[in-house]
Protein backbone atom coordinates (compact mmCIF):
# COMPACT_ATOMS: atom_id res chain seq x y z
CA MET A 1 60.03 -21.25 -4.76
CA ASP A 2 61.64 -20.79 -1.30
CA ALA A 3 60.36 -20.67 2.37
CA ASN A 4 59.93 -16.87 2.31
CA SER A 5 57.75 -16.98 -0.84
CA VAL A 6 55.51 -19.59 0.49
CA THR A 7 55.23 -17.61 3.73
CA ALA A 8 54.21 -14.42 1.95
CA ILE A 9 51.71 -16.08 -0.41
CA SER A 10 50.25 -17.97 2.69
CA ALA A 11 49.92 -14.57 4.61
CA THR A 12 48.10 -12.88 1.69
CA VAL A 13 45.65 -15.80 1.17
CA ILE A 14 44.91 -15.77 4.77
CA ALA A 15 44.46 -11.81 4.90
CA VAL A 16 42.04 -11.95 1.86
CA ALA A 17 40.09 -14.69 3.37
CA SER A 18 40.07 -12.80 6.81
CA LEU A 19 38.73 -9.71 4.69
CA VAL A 20 35.96 -11.80 3.06
CA VAL A 21 34.98 -13.21 6.16
CA SER A 22 34.80 -9.83 7.92
CA ILE A 23 32.78 -8.32 5.08
CA THR A 24 30.21 -11.19 5.00
CA GLU A 25 29.91 -11.00 8.76
CA ALA A 26 29.22 -7.23 8.57
CA ARG A 27 26.60 -7.69 6.03
CA ALA A 28 24.78 -10.56 8.01
CA SER A 29 25.12 -8.40 11.29
CA ARG A 30 23.56 -5.53 9.43
CA ARG A 31 20.84 -7.37 8.00
CA HIS A 32 20.22 -8.85 11.29
CA ASN A 33 20.06 -5.29 12.79
CA PHE A 34 17.56 -4.22 10.09
CA GLN A 35 15.34 -7.47 10.66
CA SER A 36 15.17 -7.01 14.38
CA VAL A 37 13.43 -3.64 14.21
CA ARG A 38 11.34 -4.56 11.31
CA PRO A 39 7.76 -3.25 12.01
CA LEU A 40 4.57 -5.38 10.77
CA LEU A 41 1.21 -3.27 10.82
CA SER A 42 -2.01 -4.96 10.28
CA LEU A 43 -5.44 -3.36 10.23
CA ASP A 44 -8.39 -5.07 10.86
CA CYS A 45 -12.27 -4.57 11.83
CA LEU A 46 -12.84 -5.60 15.56
CA ARG A 47 -16.12 -6.01 17.47
CA LEU A 48 -16.01 -6.93 21.08
CA ASN A 49 -18.61 -8.16 23.36
CA SER A 50 -17.75 -5.25 25.57
CA GLY A 51 -19.32 -3.04 22.97
CA LEU A 52 -16.35 -1.59 21.35
CA ALA A 53 -16.50 -1.92 17.39
CA GLY A 54 -14.37 -0.25 14.55
CA ILE A 55 -11.24 -0.29 12.75
CA ARG A 56 -7.95 -1.18 14.62
CA ILE A 57 -4.42 -0.88 13.67
CA ARG A 58 -1.74 -2.84 15.53
CA ASN A 59 2.22 -3.24 15.21
CA ALA A 60 2.89 -6.97 15.47
CA GLY A 61 6.52 -6.46 14.50
CA LEU A 62 9.75 -6.35 16.19
CA GLY A 63 10.30 -2.41 15.83
CA PRO A 64 8.38 0.85 15.72
CA ALA A 65 6.44 1.68 12.39
CA ILE A 66 6.94 5.17 11.18
CA ILE A 67 3.82 6.14 9.00
CA ARG A 68 4.78 7.74 5.87
CA VAL A 69 1.64 7.92 3.97
CA THR A 70 -1.97 6.87 4.44
CA MET A 71 -4.92 6.98 2.07
CA PHE A 72 -8.71 6.62 2.63
CA TYR A 73 -10.94 5.32 -0.02
CA PHE A 74 -14.83 5.29 0.37
CA ASP A 75 -17.04 2.95 -1.94
CA GLY A 76 -13.96 2.62 -4.26
CA GLU A 77 -13.18 6.44 -4.53
CA GLU A 78 -10.01 7.84 -3.26
CA VAL A 79 -10.90 10.61 -0.40
CA GLY A 80 -7.51 11.72 0.91
CA PRO A 81 -5.22 11.04 3.82
CA TRP A 82 -6.48 9.38 7.09
CA GLU A 83 -6.81 12.62 8.81
CA LYS A 84 -9.53 14.40 10.76
CA GLN A 85 -10.77 16.97 7.98
CA VAL A 86 -11.03 14.20 5.67
CA VAL A 87 -12.83 11.63 7.67
CA ASP A 88 -15.13 13.97 9.68
CA PRO A 89 -17.68 14.22 6.89
CA LEU A 90 -18.15 10.49 6.92
CA ARG A 91 -18.28 10.49 10.92
CA GLY A 92 -20.91 12.86 10.69
CA THR A 93 -23.49 10.49 8.80
CA PHE A 94 -23.53 7.82 11.56
CA ALA A 95 -26.15 7.58 14.43
CA VAL A 96 -23.40 7.97 17.11
CA TRP A 97 -20.32 10.15 16.27
CA PRO A 98 -17.34 7.48 15.97
CA ASN A 99 -14.17 8.12 18.02
CA PHE A 100 -11.35 8.88 15.60
CA SER A 101 -7.47 8.59 15.59
CA THR A 102 -5.36 10.08 12.89
CA LEU A 103 -2.36 8.57 11.06
CA ARG A 104 -0.28 11.38 9.96
CA PRO A 105 3.00 11.23 8.58
CA GLY A 106 5.91 10.71 10.95
CA LYS A 107 3.61 9.24 13.70
CA PRO A 108 5.31 6.33 15.21
CA ILE A 109 3.30 3.18 16.17
CA PRO A 110 5.27 1.38 19.03
CA VAL A 111 5.96 -2.50 19.14
CA GLY A 112 2.82 -4.05 20.42
CA GLN A 113 0.50 -0.98 20.28
CA GLU A 114 -3.15 -1.45 19.34
CA LEU A 115 -4.99 1.72 18.33
CA MET A 116 -8.61 1.94 17.43
CA ILE A 117 -8.59 4.51 14.52
CA LEU A 118 -12.43 4.62 14.07
CA ALA A 119 -14.60 3.27 16.79
CA VAL A 120 -17.86 3.07 18.42
CA GLU A 121 -17.62 2.35 22.12
CA ASP A 122 -20.90 1.08 22.89
CA TYR A 123 -22.07 -0.74 19.70
CA ASP A 124 -25.72 -1.58 19.07
CA ASN A 125 -26.72 -3.84 16.22
CA GLU A 126 -29.63 -1.69 15.23
CA ARG A 127 -28.44 1.80 15.81
CA ASP A 128 -24.71 1.20 14.66
CA ALA A 129 -25.76 -1.02 11.62
CA GLU A 130 -24.90 1.65 9.03
CA PHE A 131 -21.48 2.14 11.02
CA TRP A 132 -20.72 -1.42 10.96
CA ALA A 133 -21.69 -1.94 7.17
CA ALA A 134 -19.23 1.03 6.40
CA VAL A 135 -16.33 -0.63 8.36
CA THR A 136 -16.78 -3.99 6.95
CA GLN A 137 -17.68 -3.10 3.27
CA ARG A 138 -17.22 0.51 2.17
CA ILE A 139 -14.00 1.69 3.82
CA ARG A 140 -10.53 0.85 2.66
CA ILE A 141 -7.21 2.25 4.06
CA ARG A 142 -3.80 2.09 2.69
CA VAL A 143 -0.94 2.64 5.17
CA GLN A 144 2.86 3.14 4.01
CA TYR A 145 5.27 2.79 6.66
CA GLU A 146 8.98 2.06 7.48
CA SER A 147 11.27 1.04 10.23
CA ILE A 148 13.41 3.56 12.16
CA TYR A 149 16.29 2.97 9.69
CA GLY A 150 13.87 4.55 6.99
CA ASN A 151 15.26 2.37 4.23
CA GLU A 152 12.40 0.13 3.58
CA GLN A 153 8.98 1.21 2.43
CA GLN A 154 6.29 -1.28 3.58
CA GLU A 155 2.60 -1.31 3.02
CA ALA A 156 -0.65 -2.46 4.89
CA TRP A 157 -4.13 -2.46 3.73
CA PHE A 158 -7.47 -2.36 5.43
CA ASP A 159 -10.15 -3.85 3.12
CA GLY A 160 -12.99 -4.41 5.51
CA SER A 161 -14.35 -7.99 6.27
CA PRO A 162 -16.23 -10.27 3.94
CA SER A 163 -19.64 -10.97 5.25
CA ARG A 164 -20.08 -14.63 6.52
CA LYS A 165 -23.03 -16.95 6.18
CA VAL A 166 -24.04 -18.44 9.36
CA VAL A 167 -26.08 -21.61 9.13
CA SER A 168 -28.14 -22.91 12.16
CA PRO A 169 -28.86 -26.66 12.38
CA TRP A 170 -32.67 -25.93 12.34
CA GLN A 171 -32.45 -23.51 9.14
CA GLY A 172 -31.12 -26.18 6.50
CA GLN A 173 -28.62 -25.46 3.82
CA GLY A 174 -28.61 -22.23 1.84
CA ASN A 175 -31.55 -20.41 3.89
CA ALA A 176 -29.14 -18.22 6.02
CA GLY A 177 -28.53 -14.63 4.98
CA PRO A 178 -25.25 -12.65 5.61
CA SER A 179 -24.77 -12.38 9.40
CA ILE A 180 -22.13 -11.52 11.81
CA ASP A 181 -21.64 -13.61 14.94
CA SER A 182 -22.28 -10.97 17.48
CA ASP A 183 -20.33 -13.22 20.22
CA ALA A 184 -17.15 -13.18 18.07
CA LEU A 185 -14.29 -11.44 19.68
CA THR A 186 -12.94 -10.19 16.53
CA GLU A 187 -14.25 -9.83 12.88
């Protein structure tokens, strides 16, 4: 082998290695870009000392969440999408007409936004007991969403909140029934 052949082979190896490094770097950069705008929706029930109580959705991710599909279940039965005409019959059964926010397909939820999608502003333990029971035990919501790239379907569920037993020191073990701490900031 002469010097020209060694030079040619070395140049080819270096070019192929550079191509491999470039492709690997491009894939890593693309993956990073997808992850840097990935949304993360969570749904939970919330009851604040200020009187606000209901179901909250929030985006704790790094990019906006675009709603694609929602489904509302009541007592285990599929009712329909989380939209006004589907939820209004349920809203009419409570002592106070709760506020409502729809989750229509295409609706963006920006990073850091919290939205009450079903809420009573001035919660009263006696008056709104049926509302709180529905929120914590009877309502389920499924939300499918994606990032602004639109390539990755993600899903978030609201399953209510399991009831907790609170035992006071003077009650003894096993005597307390299901209870919700009215001083808790979130449930």
